[in-house]
Amino acid sequence: MATDIVAELADSLAKAGVEDGELSYKGQGRKLDDAQSVEDMVKEIQDFEGLQALRLEGNTLGVVAAQAIAKALETKSDFKRCYWSDMFTGRLRSEIPPALNSLGDALMLAGARLTVLDLSDNAFGPDGVKGIEKLLKSSACYTLQELRLNNCGMGIGGGKILAASLMQCHQKSTADGAPLSLKVFVAGRNRLENDGATALAQAFQIMGSLEEVHMPQNGINHPGVTALASAMQHNLALRILNLNDNTFTERGAIAMAKALKHLRSIQVINFGDCLVRPEGAKAIAETVSEGLPVLKELNLSYGEITADAALAVVQALKNKDQLEKLDLNGNCFGEDGCKALKDTMAEMNMSERLAPLSDDEGESVDEDEDDNDEEDEEDEEEDVDEEEV
């Protein structure tokens, strides 16, 4: 009975959106165009003592409505967490920067110290990044720990603006005695490509505090991957690295393998659909065998890896007691190769940790890897151009 009462109370609190100083309008599908449409929200924000977080996901916010909400936030000095993903559906792209500027200015005026800024799934492009540029450079973001900008269509230009903003924030916060120590960075599906990734790599290297990096589906080829690899070496606390669906080729994979040797805290590596190829897989296997003591997940799926290279990966995992999942699906093993992998995993008592090999491509693979690098990069760039953000 007591358990039921506690559950009901927790549910009631969640619905009211007042847990941990949080006010939530998540998923309400409101069309917020003018001051009148947010009148009740503004009052609730004003009346909420100690407001720390505001959830606006799943609503659509216009410029005037954003200004009204911003005005209510100007006195909220305890504010820490912005959950503002998917809040501009159906809006003109030109509406988004002024809306973001209003909200950012309010947080700066309030003297807020943010820990979370989530603007994912807002297709605002480079101009949207300009809308948060001033905020990111301000003291409100000196304490930022999580920055989530997944699926925002930032492009190369937006990536460069973001990188410059983070570097300036780090510089100013360091001068203030408490350097920016960003822990989580999420920016998948943003068309960053090599130049955007390289710019961000500079920021990552300067900060050196990252624990999670998620940058899948960005059209990054080996020059950008190599830049990121160099930056990751300076983030020794990194636990999760997700670069799924970018084009490493063996050059990028080898660079990343070298970087991983410095990362003894790494738990999850997702290089699936990254075309690491046999030599890249072997380089990663060597790194795994020499270190990575707390590795839990390794994804090298869909990478044109041959059976012998995959066996090297499997054998490298022999003493990884914390391993939970190895994904090698969609590679080029053939029936015999798949059997050899399964048998080897069984011998190590790890059969249940091997993901299914149902999409194996058979034994054929183009051995002339280097000659195909340029072609692969061009194909990847075409895919990114066609992708809808």
Protein backbone atom coordinates (compact mmCIF):
# COMPACT_ATOMS: atom_id res chain seq x y z
CA MET A 1 0.00 0.00 0.00
CA ALA A 2 2.81 2.40 0.95
CA THR A 3 4.52 1.60 -2.35
CA ASP A 4 1.35 2.51 -4.26
CA ILE A 5 1.08 5.83 -2.44
CA VAL A 6 4.71 6.68 -3.24
CA ALA A 7 4.17 5.74 -6.88
CA GLU A 8 1.05 7.90 -7.10
CA LEU A 9 2.87 10.83 -5.52
CA ALA A 10 5.78 10.47 -7.95
CA ASP A 11 3.38 10.32 -10.88
CA SER A 12 1.55 13.39 -9.63
CA LEU A 13 4.80 15.31 -9.28
CA ALA A 14 5.89 14.26 -12.75
CA LYS A 15 2.62 15.44 -14.26
CA ALA A 16 2.88 18.74 -12.46
CA GLY A 17 6.45 19.06 -13.70
CA VAL A 18 7.85 20.30 -10.41
CA GLU A 19 10.49 17.70 -9.64
CA ASP A 20 13.99 19.06 -9.05
CA GLY A 21 12.86 22.62 -9.60
CA GLU A 22 11.56 21.70 -13.05
CA LEU A 23 8.57 23.12 -14.85
CA SER A 24 7.47 20.99 -17.79
CA TYR A 25 5.27 21.60 -20.81
CA LYS A 26 6.83 18.71 -22.67
CA GLY A 27 4.87 17.20 -25.54
CA GLN A 28 1.78 19.36 -25.14
CA GLY A 29 1.71 20.36 -28.81
CA ARG A 30 0.92 23.98 -28.09
CA LYS A 31 1.12 26.58 -30.86
CA LEU A 32 2.61 29.52 -29.03
CA ASP A 33 2.39 32.57 -31.27
CA ASP A 34 1.78 35.62 -29.10
CA ALA A 35 1.84 36.82 -25.50
CA GLN A 36 -1.73 35.70 -24.89
CA SER A 37 -0.94 32.12 -25.90
CA VAL A 38 1.72 31.86 -23.18
CA GLU A 39 -0.05 33.90 -20.51
CA ASP A 40 -0.58 30.90 -18.21
CA MET A 41 2.97 29.65 -18.76
CA VAL A 42 4.43 33.06 -17.98
CA LYS A 43 2.51 33.23 -14.70
CA GLU A 44 3.61 29.73 -13.70
CA ILE A 45 7.23 30.60 -14.46
CA GLN A 46 6.98 33.84 -12.48
CA ASP A 47 5.37 32.09 -9.50
CA PHE A 48 7.82 29.16 -9.47
CA GLU A 49 10.29 29.82 -6.67
CA GLY A 50 13.73 28.33 -7.30
CA LEU A 51 13.04 27.40 -10.93
CA GLN A 52 15.96 25.35 -12.23
CA ALA A 53 14.68 23.75 -15.42
CA LEU A 54 12.13 24.47 -18.14
CA ARG A 55 10.88 21.86 -20.60
CA LEU A 56 9.39 23.20 -23.82
CA GLU A 57 9.93 20.16 -26.05
CA GLY A 58 7.14 19.29 -28.43
CA ASN A 59 5.59 22.74 -28.63
CA THR A 60 6.08 25.37 -31.34
CA LEU A 61 7.36 28.74 -30.23
CA GLY A 62 7.05 32.04 -32.13
CA VAL A 63 9.14 35.17 -31.65
CA VAL A 64 6.60 37.15 -29.57
CA ALA A 65 5.79 34.16 -27.37
CA ALA A 66 9.50 33.56 -26.82
CA GLN A 67 9.94 37.18 -25.76
CA ALA A 68 7.14 36.83 -23.20
CA ILE A 69 8.64 33.65 -21.74
CA ALA A 70 12.06 35.27 -21.74
CA LYS A 71 10.75 38.20 -19.71
CA ALA A 72 9.53 35.76 -17.06
CA LEU A 73 12.95 34.09 -16.93
CA GLU A 74 14.84 37.32 -16.29
CA THR A 75 14.57 36.94 -12.50
CA LYS A 76 15.32 33.21 -12.31
CA SER A 77 18.88 33.23 -10.97
CA ASP A 78 18.72 29.53 -9.96
CA PHE A 79 18.03 28.43 -13.54
CA LYS A 80 20.28 25.60 -14.80
CA ARG A 81 18.69 23.36 -17.42
CA CYS A 82 17.15 24.20 -20.81
CA TYR A 83 15.23 21.32 -22.40
CA TRP A 84 14.26 23.08 -25.59
CA SER A 85 14.42 20.42 -28.29
CA ASP A 86 11.78 20.25 -31.04
CA MET A 87 10.18 23.59 -30.21
CA PHE A 88 10.16 25.34 -33.58
CA THR A 89 8.14 22.95 -35.76
CA GLY A 90 6.42 24.81 -38.57
CA ARG A 91 8.28 28.05 -37.90
CA LEU A 92 10.15 30.02 -40.52
CA ARG A 93 13.88 29.65 -40.12
CA SER A 94 14.10 33.45 -39.80
CA GLU A 95 11.94 33.32 -36.65
CA ILE A 96 14.30 31.05 -34.74
CA PRO A 97 17.39 33.24 -34.13
CA PRO A 98 15.45 36.16 -32.57
CA ALA A 99 13.49 33.73 -30.39
CA LEU A 100 16.71 32.10 -29.19
CA ASN A 101 18.36 35.48 -28.68
CA SER A 102 15.50 36.61 -26.44
CA LEU A 103 15.70 33.50 -24.30
CA GLY A 104 19.48 33.66 -24.10
CA ASP A 105 19.49 37.34 -23.15
CA ALA A 106 17.04 36.58 -20.34
CA LEU A 107 19.25 33.85 -18.91
CA MET A 108 22.26 36.14 -18.99
CA LEU A 109 20.30 38.93 -17.30
CA ALA A 110 19.11 36.51 -14.61
CA GLY A 111 22.67 35.49 -13.81
CA ALA A 112 21.81 31.87 -14.57
CA ARG A 113 24.52 29.22 -14.51
CA LEU A 114 23.53 26.56 -17.03
CA THR A 115 24.48 22.90 -16.79
CA VAL A 116 22.28 21.56 -19.64
CA LEU A 117 21.40 23.15 -22.98
CA ASP A 118 19.36 20.90 -25.27
CA LEU A 119 18.23 22.32 -28.61
CA SER A 120 18.11 19.06 -30.55
CA ASP A 121 15.67 18.49 -33.42
CA ASN A 122 15.36 22.17 -34.24
CA ALA A 123 16.27 22.53 -37.91
CA PHE A 124 17.67 26.02 -37.48
CA GLY A 125 20.83 25.79 -39.58
CA PRO A 126 23.86 28.07 -39.16
CA ASP A 127 21.63 31.06 -38.34
CA GLY A 128 20.24 29.18 -35.36
CA VAL A 129 23.75 28.72 -34.01
CA LYS A 130 24.18 32.49 -34.30
CA GLY A 131 21.06 32.75 -32.14
CA ILE A 132 22.85 31.06 -29.23
CA GLU A 133 26.34 32.40 -29.96
CA LYS A 134 26.13 35.23 -27.42
CA LEU A 135 24.74 32.89 -24.76
CA LEU A 136 27.47 30.31 -25.31
CA LYS A 137 30.18 32.94 -24.90
CA SER A 138 28.63 34.35 -21.72
CA SER A 139 29.15 33.53 -18.05
CA ALA A 140 25.80 31.71 -18.14
CA CYS A 141 27.59 28.87 -19.93
CA TYR A 142 30.82 28.77 -17.92
CA THR A 143 29.26 25.89 -15.96
CA LEU A 144 27.77 24.04 -18.95
CA GLN A 145 28.12 20.26 -18.72
CA GLU A 146 25.80 18.98 -21.47
CA LEU A 147 25.35 20.51 -24.92
CA ARG A 148 22.87 18.68 -27.12
CA LEU A 149 22.40 19.89 -30.69
CA ASN A 150 21.37 16.73 -32.47
CA ASN A 151 19.71 17.06 -35.89
CA CYS A 152 19.88 20.83 -36.17
CA GLY A 153 21.30 21.17 -39.69
CA MET A 154 24.16 23.36 -38.48
CA GLY A 155 26.35 22.65 -41.48
CA ILE A 156 30.01 23.56 -41.76
CA GLY A 157 29.32 27.22 -41.01
CA GLY A 158 27.32 26.46 -37.89
CA GLY A 159 29.97 24.03 -36.71
CA LYS A 160 32.63 26.71 -37.01
CA ILE A 161 30.53 29.27 -35.14
CA LEU A 162 29.83 26.73 -32.41
CA ALA A 163 33.51 25.79 -32.10
CA ALA A 164 34.60 29.43 -31.86
CA SER A 165 31.94 30.11 -29.22
CA LEU A 166 33.04 27.17 -27.09
CA MET A 167 36.69 28.19 -27.33
CA GLN A 168 35.88 31.75 -26.29
CA CYS A 169 33.74 30.48 -23.43
CA HIS A 170 36.63 28.32 -22.27
CA GLN A 171 39.07 31.22 -22.54
CA LYS A 172 36.85 33.62 -20.59
CA SER A 173 35.85 31.05 -17.95
CA THR A 174 39.50 30.11 -17.44
CA ALA A 175 40.36 33.75 -16.86
CA ASP A 176 37.50 33.80 -14.34
CA GLY A 177 39.11 30.91 -12.46
CA ALA A 178 36.73 28.07 -13.39
CA PRO A 179 37.37 26.69 -16.90
CA LEU A 180 34.46 25.39 -18.96
CA SER A 181 34.36 21.62 -18.41
CA LEU A 182 31.85 20.33 -20.92
CA LYS A 183 31.17 16.63 -20.35
CA VAL A 184 28.54 15.65 -22.95
CA PHE A 185 28.52 16.83 -26.58
CA VAL A 186 25.80 15.62 -28.96
CA ALA A 187 25.67 16.81 -32.58
CA GLY A 188 24.55 13.98 -34.85
CA ARG A 189 22.98 14.63 -38.27
CA ASN A 190 24.33 18.15 -38.71
CA ARG A 191 26.25 18.01 -42.01
CA LEU A 192 29.40 19.15 -40.24
CA GLU A 193 31.68 17.44 -42.77
CA ASN A 194 35.47 17.73 -42.45
CA ASP A 195 35.75 21.47 -41.86
CA GLY A 196 33.04 21.59 -39.20
CA ALA A 197 34.44 18.54 -37.42
CA THR A 198 37.98 19.91 -37.55
CA ALA A 199 36.87 23.22 -36.04
CA LEU A 200 35.07 21.42 -33.23
CA ALA A 201 38.09 19.19 -32.67
CA GLN A 202 40.08 22.30 -31.76
CA ALA A 203 37.50 23.18 -29.12
CA PHE A 204 37.47 19.61 -27.78
CA GLN A 205 41.24 19.59 -27.46
CA ILE A 206 41.27 22.88 -25.57
CA MET A 207 38.53 21.79 -23.14
CA GLY A 208 39.88 18.29 -22.48
CA SER A 209 36.90 17.46 -20.25
CA LEU A 210 34.59 15.42 -22.48
CA GLU A 211 33.08 12.15 -21.26
CA GLU A 212 30.61 11.55 -24.10
CA VAL A 213 30.85 12.54 -27.76
CA HIS A 214 28.03 11.67 -30.17
CA MET A 215 28.56 12.86 -33.77
CA PRO A 216 26.96 10.25 -36.07
CA GLN A 217 25.87 10.96 -39.65
CA ASN A 218 27.87 14.09 -40.34
CA GLY A 219 29.58 13.35 -43.64
CA ILE A 220 32.98 13.36 -41.96
CA ASN A 221 35.81 11.71 -43.93
CA HIS A 222 39.30 10.74 -42.83
CA PRO A 223 40.72 14.31 -42.50
CA GLY A 224 37.96 15.25 -40.07
CA VAL A 225 38.16 11.89 -38.31
CA THR A 226 41.91 12.32 -37.88
CA ALA A 227 41.39 15.79 -36.37
CA LEU A 228 38.83 14.38 -33.95
CA ALA A 229 41.18 11.52 -33.07
CA SER A 230 43.90 14.00 -32.16
CA ALA A 231 41.47 15.93 -29.97
CA MET A 232 40.18 12.83 -28.19
CA GLN A 233 43.67 12.08 -26.87
CA HIS A 234 43.31 15.14 -24.67
CA ASN A 235 39.98 14.01 -23.19
CA LEU A 236 41.21 11.28 -20.89
CA ALA A 237 37.88 10.83 -19.10
CA LEU A 238 36.05 9.95 -22.34
CA ARG A 239 33.62 7.05 -21.80
CA ILE A 240 31.46 7.06 -24.95
CA LEU A 241 32.56 7.82 -28.51
CA ASN A 242 29.86 7.53 -31.18
CA LEU A 243 30.90 8.43 -34.73
CA ASN A 244 28.52 6.03 -36.47
CA ASP A 245 27.91 6.49 -40.20
CA ASN A 246 30.88 8.67 -41.08
CA THR A 247 33.58 7.58 -43.53
CA PHE A 248 36.81 6.70 -41.71
CA THR A 249 38.51 4.52 -44.34
CA GLU A 250 41.63 2.82 -43.02
CA ARG A 251 43.50 6.11 -42.59
CA GLY A 252 40.91 7.55 -40.24
CA ALA A 253 40.51 4.23 -38.42
CA ILE A 254 44.24 3.90 -37.81
CA ALA A 255 44.38 7.47 -36.48
CA MET A 256 41.46 6.75 -34.18
CA ALA A 257 43.06 3.49 -33.01
CA LYS A 258 46.15 5.44 -31.95
CA ALA A 259 44.01 7.94 -30.08
CA LEU A 260 42.13 5.20 -28.24
CA LYS A 261 45.38 4.02 -26.68
CA HIS A 262 45.23 7.09 -24.44
CA LEU A 263 41.62 6.53 -23.36
CA ARG A 264 41.59 3.97 -20.57
CA SER A 265 38.12 5.04 -19.38
CA ILE A 266 36.40 4.33 -22.71
CA GLN A 267 33.36 2.08 -22.34
CA VAL A 268 31.43 2.43 -25.61
CA ILE A 269 32.96 2.71 -29.09
CA ASN A 270 30.54 3.04 -31.99
CA PHE A 271 32.32 3.06 -35.34
CA GLY A 272 29.51 1.20 -37.13
CA ASP A 273 28.96 2.01 -40.81
CA CYS A 274 32.27 3.88 -40.85
CA LEU A 275 34.10 1.85 -43.50
CA VAL A 276 37.06 1.07 -41.23
CA ARG A 277 38.10 -1.81 -43.55
CA PRO A 278 40.46 -4.67 -42.63
CA GLU A 279 43.57 -2.64 -41.81
CA GLY A 280 41.58 -0.20 -39.73
CA ALA A 281 39.92 -3.05 -37.83
CA LYS A 282 43.30 -4.65 -37.16
CA ALA A 283 44.66 -1.38 -35.80
CA ILE A 284 41.65 -1.07 -33.49
CA ALA A 285 42.11 -4.70 -32.43
CA GLU A 286 45.71 -3.98 -31.45
CA THR A 287 44.60 -1.05 -29.31
CA VAL A 288 41.88 -3.13 -27.67
CA SER A 289 44.31 -5.93 -26.85
CA GLU A 290 46.80 -3.53 -25.28
CA GLY A 291 44.37 -1.54 -23.14
CA LEU A 292 40.77 -0.31 -22.82
CA PRO A 293 40.21 -2.25 -19.56
CA VAL A 294 36.58 -1.17 -19.02
CA LEU A 295 35.31 -1.58 -22.59
CA LYS A 296 31.63 -2.59 -22.64
CA GLU A 297 30.51 -2.13 -26.26
CA LEU A 298 32.37 -2.20 -29.56
CA ASN A 299 30.51 -1.59 -32.82
CA LEU A 300 32.42 -2.17 -36.06
CA SER A 301 29.42 -3.17 -38.15
CA TYR A 302 29.09 -2.45 -41.87
CA GLY A 303 32.76 -1.60 -42.30
CA GLU A 304 33.90 -3.87 -45.17
CA ILE A 305 35.91 -5.89 -42.65
CA THR A 306 37.21 -9.33 -43.66
CA ALA A 307 37.08 -12.47 -41.53
CA ASP A 308 40.77 -12.43 -40.59
CA ALA A 309 40.55 -8.82 -39.40
CA ALA A 310 37.40 -9.60 -37.44
CA LEU A 311 39.10 -12.57 -35.79
CA ALA A 312 41.85 -10.22 -34.65
CA VAL A 313 39.18 -8.03 -33.06
CA VAL A 314 37.53 -10.99 -31.35
CA GLN A 315 40.81 -12.33 -29.99
CA ALA A 316 41.69 -8.88 -28.67
CA LEU A 317 38.59 -9.04 -26.46
CA LYS A 318 39.67 -12.21 -24.67
CA ASN A 319 40.30 -10.60 -21.29
CA LYS A 320 37.68 -7.87 -21.45
CA ASP A 321 35.58 -8.96 -18.48
CA GLN A 322 33.18 -6.02 -18.73
CA LEU A 323 32.34 -6.51 -22.41
CA GLU A 324 28.60 -6.63 -23.01
CA LYS A 325 28.28 -6.38 -26.79
CA LEU A 326 30.38 -6.81 -29.93
CA ASP A 327 28.68 -5.84 -33.21
CA LEU A 328 30.36 -7.05 -36.41
CA ASN A 329 27.23 -7.44 -38.51
CA GLY A 330 27.14 -6.40 -42.16
CA ASN A 331 30.79 -7.12 -42.92
CA CYS A 332 32.46 -9.48 -45.40
CA PHE A 333 33.07 -12.77 -43.60
CA GLY A 334 31.27 -15.40 -45.65
CA GLU A 335 29.73 -18.51 -44.15
CA ASP A 336 33.03 -19.97 -42.98
CA GLY A 337 34.16 -16.66 -41.53
CA CYS A 338 30.95 -16.23 -39.57
CA LYS A 339 31.33 -19.74 -38.16
CA ALA A 340 34.93 -19.08 -37.17
CA LEU A 341 33.92 -15.91 -35.33
CA LYS A 342 31.09 -17.62 -33.51
CA ASP A 343 33.31 -20.55 -32.57
CA THR A 344 36.02 -18.25 -31.24
CA MET A 345 33.54 -16.28 -29.17
CA ALA A 346 32.15 -19.56 -27.82
CA GLU A 347 35.63 -20.71 -26.82
CA MET A 348 35.99 -17.51 -24.81
CA ASN A 349 32.54 -17.99 -23.22
CA MET A 350 31.33 -14.82 -24.92
CA SER A 351 28.77 -16.15 -27.39
CA GLU A 352 25.92 -14.14 -25.93
CA ARG A 353 27.88 -10.93 -26.37
CA LEU A 354 28.20 -11.24 -30.14
CA ALA A 355 25.45 -9.45 -32.07
CA PRO A 356 23.77 -11.42 -34.90
CA LEU A 357 25.65 -11.67 -38.20
CA SER A 358 22.47 -11.82 -40.25
CA ASP A 359 23.49 -9.10 -42.72
CA ASP A 360 26.89 -10.52 -43.61
CA GLU A 361 27.93 -9.46 -47.12
CA GLY A 362 29.90 -12.58 -47.99
CA GLU A 363 33.61 -12.90 -48.62
CA SER A 364 33.99 -10.45 -51.50
CA VAL A 365 35.60 -7.15 -50.62
CA ASP A 366 37.62 -4.67 -52.65
CA GLU A 367 41.19 -5.13 -51.49
CA ASP A 368 42.39 -1.93 -53.16
CA GLU A 369 41.34 0.20 -50.23
CA ASP A 370 43.42 3.31 -50.76
CA ASP A 371 42.34 3.72 -54.37
CA ASN A 372 38.73 3.77 -53.27
CA ASP A 373 39.10 6.34 -50.48
CA GLU A 374 38.35 9.32 -52.70
CA GLU A 375 35.37 7.62 -54.31
CA ASP A 376 33.96 6.65 -50.92
CA GLU A 377 34.30 10.24 -49.70
CA GLU A 378 32.47 11.60 -52.73
CA ASP A 379 29.67 9.08 -52.24
CA GLU A 380 29.38 10.02 -48.57
CA GLU A 381 29.18 13.72 -49.39
CA GLU A 382 26.40 13.05 -51.90
CA ASP A 383 24.48 11.07 -49.27
CA VAL A 384 24.77 13.90 -46.77
CA ASP A 385 23.63 16.49 -49.31
CA GLU A 386 20.53 14.47 -50.02
CA GLU A 387 19.71 13.73 -46.39
CA GLU A 388 16.75 15.66 -45.01
CA VAL A 389 17.41 17.30 -41.67
